[in-house]
Amino acid sequence: MASTVSARRAGGGQGATGDEPGNEATSVNEVSLVGRLAASAEQRELPSGDTLVTFRLIIDRPEGRSSSGGRSARSPKVDTVDCAAWRADVRRAALRWVPGARVEVHGALRRRFWRTAAGAASRVEVEVASARRRG
């Protein structure tokens, strides 16, 4: 399974890339993932009346590469990524997938905030713009 995550700044401009002043920087927030569905997607109706479908992808890490630089025999072999689908077509597709299905998603990273009894909480997830089952 492959995964690519891209959130980069392109172009010039001070503070963006250190290039010459006067050029405007362009921000890019694009995510493309291919992985396995961890469990069945879940649909929720929010207090606003909007419908949301959430699911989690399991993405295998390439052999020999880990965030710990390969120093530990117990380094993670997979990553799990939470995904949220707001678009009706993506919600319908996600609800049809079975656990273990290979899935490709495209979207953007979002940080979502909410209140809990213990205070503010947040989570980073992929807001899915398009998705399809692979294989």
N, C-alpha and C. Protein backbone atom coordinates (compact mmCIF):
# COMPACT_ATOMS: atom_id res chain seq x y z
N MET A 1 0.84 -1.16 0.00
CA MET A 1 0.00 0.00 0.00
C MET A 1 0.89 1.23 0.00
N ALA A 2 0.44 2.25 -0.66
CA ALA A 2 1.23 3.47 -0.74
C ALA A 2 0.48 4.60 -0.07
N SER A 3 1.22 5.59 0.34
CA SER A 3 0.58 6.78 0.86
C SER A 3 1.46 7.97 0.56
N THR A 4 0.83 9.08 0.26
CA THR A 4 1.56 10.32 0.11
C THR A 4 0.75 11.39 0.78
N VAL A 5 1.42 12.23 1.51
CA VAL A 5 0.76 13.36 2.14
C VAL A 5 1.55 14.59 1.75
N SER A 6 0.88 15.58 1.20
CA SER A 6 1.55 16.78 0.77
C SER A 6 0.84 17.99 1.33
N ALA A 7 1.54 18.75 2.12
CA ALA A 7 1.04 20.04 2.60
C ALA A 7 2.23 20.96 2.53
N ARG A 8 2.36 21.68 1.44
CA ARG A 8 3.57 22.43 1.20
C ARG A 8 3.25 23.86 0.83
N ARG A 9 4.25 24.66 0.85
CA ARG A 9 4.14 26.04 0.39
C ARG A 9 4.96 26.15 -0.88
N ALA A 10 4.35 26.68 -1.90
CA ALA A 10 5.04 26.85 -3.17
C ALA A 10 5.16 28.33 -3.47
N GLY A 11 6.09 28.68 -4.31
CA GLY A 11 6.24 30.08 -4.70
C GLY A 11 7.25 30.77 -3.81
N GLY A 12 7.40 32.06 -4.02
CA GLY A 12 8.39 32.82 -3.27
C GLY A 12 7.74 33.61 -2.16
N GLY A 13 8.46 34.61 -1.70
CA GLY A 13 7.93 35.49 -0.68
C GLY A 13 8.62 35.27 0.64
N GLN A 14 8.88 36.36 1.34
CA GLN A 14 9.52 36.22 2.64
C GLN A 14 8.61 35.50 3.59
N GLY A 15 9.18 34.67 4.41
CA GLY A 15 8.41 33.93 5.38
C GLY A 15 7.82 32.65 4.83
N ALA A 16 7.70 32.55 3.51
CA ALA A 16 7.15 31.33 2.94
C ALA A 16 8.27 30.35 2.63
N THR A 17 9.22 30.80 1.80
CA THR A 17 10.33 29.92 1.45
C THR A 17 11.67 30.60 1.63
N GLY A 18 11.66 31.87 2.03
CA GLY A 18 12.91 32.59 2.19
C GLY A 18 13.42 33.19 0.90
N ASP A 19 12.64 33.08 -0.18
CA ASP A 19 13.05 33.63 -1.46
C ASP A 19 12.91 35.15 -1.45
N GLU A 20 13.08 35.76 -2.58
CA GLU A 20 13.05 37.21 -2.69
C GLU A 20 11.70 37.78 -2.29
N PRO A 21 11.72 38.95 -1.60
CA PRO A 21 10.45 39.58 -1.21
C PRO A 21 9.69 40.06 -2.44
N GLY A 22 8.38 40.19 -2.27
CA GLY A 22 7.55 40.69 -3.36
C GLY A 22 6.79 39.61 -4.10
N ASN A 23 7.25 38.37 -4.03
CA ASN A 23 6.52 37.26 -4.66
C ASN A 23 5.54 36.70 -3.66
N GLU A 24 4.32 36.46 -4.08
CA GLU A 24 3.32 35.91 -3.17
C GLU A 24 3.50 34.41 -3.03
N ALA A 25 3.30 33.91 -1.83
CA ALA A 25 3.38 32.47 -1.56
C ALA A 25 2.01 31.86 -1.75
N THR A 26 1.97 30.63 -2.20
CA THR A 26 0.73 29.89 -2.35
C THR A 26 0.77 28.71 -1.39
N SER A 27 -0.25 28.56 -0.58
CA SER A 27 -0.34 27.43 0.33
C SER A 27 -1.07 26.29 -0.36
N VAL A 28 -0.62 25.08 -0.11
CA VAL A 28 -1.24 23.89 -0.69
C VAL A 28 -1.50 22.90 0.42
N ASN A 29 -2.71 22.39 0.49
CA ASN A 29 -3.07 21.38 1.48
C ASN A 29 -3.76 20.26 0.72
N GLU A 30 -2.98 19.30 0.28
CA GLU A 30 -3.48 18.17 -0.50
C GLU A 30 -3.05 16.87 0.16
N VAL A 31 -3.98 15.94 0.27
CA VAL A 31 -3.68 14.64 0.86
C VAL A 31 -4.18 13.57 -0.10
N SER A 32 -3.33 12.59 -0.33
CA SER A 32 -3.69 11.43 -1.14
C SER A 32 -3.24 10.19 -0.39
N LEU A 33 -4.18 9.32 -0.04
CA LEU A 33 -3.88 8.13 0.75
C LEU A 33 -4.44 6.88 0.08
N VAL A 34 -3.74 5.79 0.23
CA VAL A 34 -4.24 4.47 -0.15
C VAL A 34 -3.98 3.56 1.03
N GLY A 35 -5.03 2.93 1.52
CA GLY A 35 -4.88 2.06 2.67
C GLY A 35 -6.05 1.11 2.80
N ARG A 36 -6.12 0.45 3.97
CA ARG A 36 -7.21 -0.50 4.25
C ARG A 36 -8.18 0.13 5.23
N LEU A 37 -9.45 -0.13 5.04
CA LEU A 37 -10.47 0.35 5.95
C LEU A 37 -10.36 -0.44 7.26
N ALA A 38 -10.18 0.27 8.37
CA ALA A 38 -9.98 -0.38 9.67
C ALA A 38 -11.25 -1.03 10.20
N ALA A 39 -12.38 -0.37 10.03
CA ALA A 39 -13.68 -0.85 10.51
C ALA A 39 -14.75 -0.21 9.64
N SER A 40 -15.97 -0.64 9.80
CA SER A 40 -17.06 -0.05 9.02
C SER A 40 -17.15 1.45 9.29
N ALA A 41 -17.45 2.20 8.24
CA ALA A 41 -17.65 3.64 8.38
C ALA A 41 -18.86 3.91 9.26
N GLU A 42 -18.83 5.03 9.97
CA GLU A 42 -19.93 5.38 10.87
C GLU A 42 -20.56 6.70 10.43
N GLN A 43 -21.87 6.71 10.41
CA GLN A 43 -22.61 7.92 10.04
C GLN A 43 -23.18 8.57 11.28
N ARG A 44 -23.08 9.91 11.36
CA ARG A 44 -23.64 10.65 12.49
C ARG A 44 -24.39 11.86 11.97
N GLU A 45 -25.46 12.19 12.65
CA GLU A 45 -26.14 13.45 12.37
C GLU A 45 -25.72 14.42 13.46
N LEU A 46 -25.21 15.55 13.06
CA LEU A 46 -24.73 16.56 13.99
C LEU A 46 -25.88 17.43 14.47
N PRO A 47 -25.70 18.13 15.60
CA PRO A 47 -26.75 19.02 16.10
C PRO A 47 -27.21 20.04 15.07
N SER A 48 -26.33 20.40 14.14
CA SER A 48 -26.68 21.36 13.09
C SER A 48 -27.61 20.76 12.05
N GLY A 49 -27.77 19.42 12.07
CA GLY A 49 -28.58 18.74 11.07
C GLY A 49 -27.74 18.17 9.94
N ASP A 50 -26.46 18.54 9.85
CA ASP A 50 -25.57 18.00 8.82
C ASP A 50 -25.27 16.54 9.12
N THR A 51 -25.00 15.79 8.06
CA THR A 51 -24.64 14.38 8.19
C THR A 51 -23.16 14.23 7.89
N LEU A 52 -22.49 13.43 8.69
CA LEU A 52 -21.06 13.20 8.58
C LEU A 52 -20.81 11.70 8.63
N VAL A 53 -19.89 11.23 7.77
CA VAL A 53 -19.46 9.84 7.82
C VAL A 53 -17.97 9.85 8.14
N THR A 54 -17.58 9.08 9.15
CA THR A 54 -16.17 8.99 9.53
C THR A 54 -15.68 7.56 9.37
N PHE A 55 -14.41 7.44 9.08
CA PHE A 55 -13.78 6.12 8.97
C PHE A 55 -12.29 6.28 9.20
N ARG A 56 -11.63 5.17 9.41
CA ARG A 56 -10.19 5.17 9.67
C ARG A 56 -9.50 4.28 8.66
N LEU A 57 -8.40 4.79 8.10
CA LEU A 57 -7.58 4.00 7.18
C LEU A 57 -6.33 3.51 7.88
N ILE A 58 -5.92 2.30 7.56
CA ILE A 58 -4.66 1.73 8.01
C ILE A 58 -3.72 1.77 6.82
N ILE A 59 -2.57 2.42 7.01
CA ILE A 59 -1.63 2.60 5.91
C ILE A 59 -0.31 1.96 6.31
N ASP A 60 0.12 0.96 5.53
CA ASP A 60 1.38 0.28 5.81
C ASP A 60 2.55 1.23 5.55
N ARG A 61 3.53 1.20 6.45
CA ARG A 61 4.75 1.96 6.22
C ARG A 61 5.68 1.14 5.34
N PRO A 62 6.45 1.81 4.48
CA PRO A 62 7.41 1.08 3.65
C PRO A 62 8.41 0.34 4.53
N GLU A 63 8.83 -0.83 4.11
CA GLU A 63 9.80 -1.60 4.88
C GLU A 63 11.08 -0.82 5.05
N GLY A 64 11.67 -0.91 6.24
CA GLY A 64 12.95 -0.28 6.48
C GLY A 64 12.87 1.20 6.80
N ARG A 65 11.66 1.79 6.81
CA ARG A 65 11.52 3.21 7.13
C ARG A 65 10.53 3.37 8.26
N SER A 66 10.91 4.16 9.25
CA SER A 66 10.01 4.45 10.35
C SER A 66 10.33 5.83 10.87
N SER A 67 9.44 6.39 11.66
CA SER A 67 9.67 7.72 12.21
C SER A 67 10.80 7.71 13.22
N SER A 68 11.16 6.55 13.75
CA SER A 68 12.24 6.48 14.74
C SER A 68 13.58 6.24 14.07
N GLY A 69 13.63 6.27 12.75
CA GLY A 69 14.90 6.07 12.06
C GLY A 69 15.38 4.64 12.07
N GLY A 70 14.50 3.71 12.39
CA GLY A 70 14.87 2.30 12.38
C GLY A 70 15.66 1.88 13.60
N ARG A 71 15.66 2.69 14.65
CA ARG A 71 16.43 2.38 15.85
C ARG A 71 15.77 1.36 16.75
N SER A 72 14.48 1.15 16.61
CA SER A 72 13.78 0.26 17.52
C SER A 72 13.14 -0.89 16.76
N ALA A 73 13.27 -2.07 17.31
CA ALA A 73 12.63 -3.23 16.68
C ALA A 73 11.11 -3.13 16.82
N ARG A 74 10.62 -2.28 17.72
CA ARG A 74 9.19 -2.14 17.95
C ARG A 74 8.60 -0.91 17.28
N SER A 75 9.28 -0.34 16.30
CA SER A 75 8.74 0.85 15.64
C SER A 75 7.47 0.46 14.88
N PRO A 76 6.53 1.40 14.76
CA PRO A 76 5.25 1.09 14.10
C PRO A 76 5.45 0.64 12.66
N LYS A 77 4.64 -0.29 12.25
CA LYS A 77 4.69 -0.78 10.88
C LYS A 77 3.53 -0.22 10.05
N VAL A 78 2.58 0.42 10.73
CA VAL A 78 1.44 1.04 10.05
C VAL A 78 1.13 2.39 10.69
N ASP A 79 0.41 3.20 9.96
CA ASP A 79 -0.17 4.43 10.49
C ASP A 79 -1.67 4.33 10.34
N THR A 80 -2.40 4.94 11.25
CA THR A 80 -3.85 5.01 11.12
C THR A 80 -4.23 6.47 10.97
N VAL A 81 -5.14 6.73 10.06
CA VAL A 81 -5.54 8.11 9.74
C VAL A 81 -7.06 8.19 9.77
N ASP A 82 -7.56 9.14 10.56
CA ASP A 82 -9.00 9.39 10.62
C ASP A 82 -9.42 10.22 9.43
N CYS A 83 -10.57 9.86 8.86
CA CYS A 83 -11.09 10.55 7.68
C CYS A 83 -12.54 10.95 7.94
N ALA A 84 -12.95 12.09 7.38
CA ALA A 84 -14.33 12.58 7.52
C ALA A 84 -14.87 12.92 6.14
N ALA A 85 -16.06 12.44 5.85
CA ALA A 85 -16.70 12.69 4.56
C ALA A 85 -17.97 13.50 4.77
N TRP A 86 -18.01 14.67 4.15
CA TRP A 86 -19.19 15.54 4.22
C TRP A 86 -20.02 15.44 2.95
N ARG A 87 -19.37 15.19 1.80
CA ARG A 87 -20.08 15.13 0.52
C ARG A 87 -20.95 13.88 0.45
N ALA A 88 -22.16 14.04 -0.05
CA ALA A 88 -23.13 12.93 -0.09
C ALA A 88 -22.60 11.73 -0.87
N ASP A 89 -21.96 11.96 -2.02
CA ASP A 89 -21.48 10.83 -2.82
C ASP A 89 -20.37 10.06 -2.09
N VAL A 90 -19.50 10.77 -1.39
CA VAL A 90 -18.42 10.11 -0.65
C VAL A 90 -18.99 9.39 0.56
N ARG A 91 -19.97 9.99 1.23
CA ARG A 91 -20.60 9.33 2.38
C ARG A 91 -21.24 8.01 1.96
N ARG A 92 -21.98 8.04 0.85
CA ARG A 92 -22.64 6.81 0.37
C ARG A 92 -21.62 5.73 0.05
N ALA A 93 -20.55 6.11 -0.64
CA ALA A 93 -19.52 5.13 -1.01
C ALA A 93 -18.89 4.52 0.25
N ALA A 94 -18.51 5.37 1.20
CA ALA A 94 -17.84 4.89 2.41
C ALA A 94 -18.71 3.93 3.20
N LEU A 95 -20.00 4.19 3.24
CA LEU A 95 -20.91 3.31 3.99
C LEU A 95 -21.05 1.93 3.35
N ARG A 96 -20.68 1.79 2.08
CA ARG A 96 -20.76 0.49 1.39
C ARG A 96 -19.49 -0.34 1.56
N TRP A 97 -18.39 0.29 1.95
CA TRP A 97 -17.13 -0.43 2.09
C TRP A 97 -17.16 -1.38 3.28
N VAL A 98 -16.43 -2.49 3.14
CA VAL A 98 -16.32 -3.46 4.23
C VAL A 98 -14.94 -3.34 4.87
N PRO A 99 -14.82 -3.65 6.16
CA PRO A 99 -13.52 -3.60 6.80
C PRO A 99 -12.49 -4.41 6.02
N GLY A 100 -11.30 -3.85 5.87
CA GLY A 100 -10.24 -4.51 5.12
C GLY A 100 -10.18 -4.11 3.65
N ALA A 101 -11.22 -3.43 3.15
CA ALA A 101 -11.24 -3.01 1.75
C ALA A 101 -10.11 -2.02 1.49
N ARG A 102 -9.48 -2.14 0.33
CA ARG A 102 -8.46 -1.17 -0.08
C ARG A 102 -9.17 0.06 -0.63
N VAL A 103 -8.78 1.22 -0.13
CA VAL A 103 -9.48 2.46 -0.45
C VAL A 103 -8.46 3.53 -0.80
N GLU A 104 -8.81 4.38 -1.76
CA GLU A 104 -8.01 5.54 -2.12
C GLU A 104 -8.83 6.79 -1.81
N VAL A 105 -8.25 7.73 -1.09
CA VAL A 105 -8.95 8.97 -0.76
C VAL A 105 -8.08 10.18 -1.12
N HIS A 106 -8.74 11.26 -1.47
CA HIS A 106 -8.08 12.54 -1.76
C HIS A 106 -8.83 13.61 -0.99
N GLY A 107 -8.08 14.53 -0.41
CA GLY A 107 -8.73 15.60 0.33
C GLY A 107 -7.71 16.55 0.92
N ALA A 108 -8.02 17.06 2.12
CA ALA A 108 -7.17 18.04 2.78
C ALA A 108 -7.11 17.75 4.28
N LEU A 109 -5.99 18.10 4.90
CA LEU A 109 -5.88 17.97 6.35
C LEU A 109 -6.67 19.08 7.02
N ARG A 110 -7.40 18.73 8.05
CA ARG A 110 -8.18 19.70 8.82
C ARG A 110 -7.96 19.42 10.29
N ARG A 111 -7.93 20.46 11.08
CA ARG A 111 -7.90 20.30 12.54
C ARG A 111 -9.25 20.75 13.05
N ARG A 112 -9.92 19.84 13.72
CA ARG A 112 -11.29 20.07 14.21
C ARG A 112 -11.25 20.26 15.71
N PHE A 113 -11.98 21.25 16.20
CA PHE A 113 -12.04 21.56 17.62
C PHE A 113 -13.45 21.35 18.14
N TRP A 114 -13.57 20.92 19.40
CA TRP A 114 -14.87 20.80 20.05
C TRP A 114 -14.67 20.87 21.56
N ARG A 115 -15.76 21.03 22.26
CA ARG A 115 -15.71 21.13 23.73
C ARG A 115 -16.12 19.79 24.34
N THR A 116 -15.42 19.44 25.43
CA THR A 116 -15.76 18.25 26.21
C THR A 116 -15.95 18.69 27.66
N ALA A 117 -16.37 17.77 28.50
CA ALA A 117 -16.52 18.08 29.92
C ALA A 117 -15.17 18.47 30.53
N ALA A 118 -14.09 17.93 29.98
CA ALA A 118 -12.75 18.22 30.49
C ALA A 118 -12.14 19.47 29.86
N GLY A 119 -12.81 20.08 28.90
CA GLY A 119 -12.27 21.27 28.23
C GLY A 119 -12.23 21.09 26.73
N ALA A 120 -11.47 21.94 26.07
CA ALA A 120 -11.36 21.90 24.61
C ALA A 120 -10.58 20.67 24.16
N ALA A 121 -10.97 20.14 23.03
CA ALA A 121 -10.27 19.00 22.43
C ALA A 121 -10.12 19.27 20.94
N SER A 122 -9.18 18.58 20.30
CA SER A 122 -9.01 18.74 18.86
C SER A 122 -8.48 17.45 18.26
N ARG A 123 -8.62 17.36 16.96
CA ARG A 123 -8.14 16.19 16.23
C ARG A 123 -7.80 16.63 14.81
N VAL A 124 -6.74 16.04 14.27
CA VAL A 124 -6.40 16.26 12.87
C VAL A 124 -6.97 15.08 12.08
N GLU A 125 -7.65 15.39 10.99
CA GLU A 125 -8.23 14.34 10.15
C GLU A 125 -8.19 14.78 8.70
N VAL A 126 -8.44 13.85 7.82
CA VAL A 126 -8.52 14.16 6.40
C VAL A 126 -9.97 14.44 6.06
N GLU A 127 -10.24 15.62 5.51
CA GLU A 127 -11.56 15.93 5.00
C GLU A 127 -11.58 15.43 3.56
N VAL A 128 -12.33 14.37 3.31
CA VAL A 128 -12.27 13.66 2.04
C VAL A 128 -13.13 14.35 1.00
N ALA A 129 -12.51 14.69 -0.13
CA ALA A 129 -13.22 15.31 -1.25
C ALA A 129 -13.64 14.27 -2.28
N SER A 130 -12.81 13.21 -2.42
CA SER A 130 -13.17 12.12 -3.32
C SER A 130 -12.57 10.82 -2.79
N ALA A 131 -13.21 9.72 -3.12
CA ALA A 131 -12.76 8.43 -2.63
C ALA A 131 -13.24 7.33 -3.56
N ARG A 132 -12.50 6.25 -3.56
CA ARG A 132 -12.92 5.07 -4.35
C ARG A 132 -12.29 3.84 -3.76
N ARG A 133 -12.97 2.74 -3.98
CA ARG A 133 -12.44 1.44 -3.57
C ARG A 133 -11.46 0.98 -4.63
N ARG A 134 -10.36 0.37 -4.20
CA ARG A 134 -9.35 -0.14 -5.13
C ARG A 134 -9.29 -1.65 -5.00
N GLY A 135 -9.25 -2.31 -6.13
CA GLY A 135 -9.07 -3.76 -6.14
C GLY A 135 -10.20 -4.55 -5.71
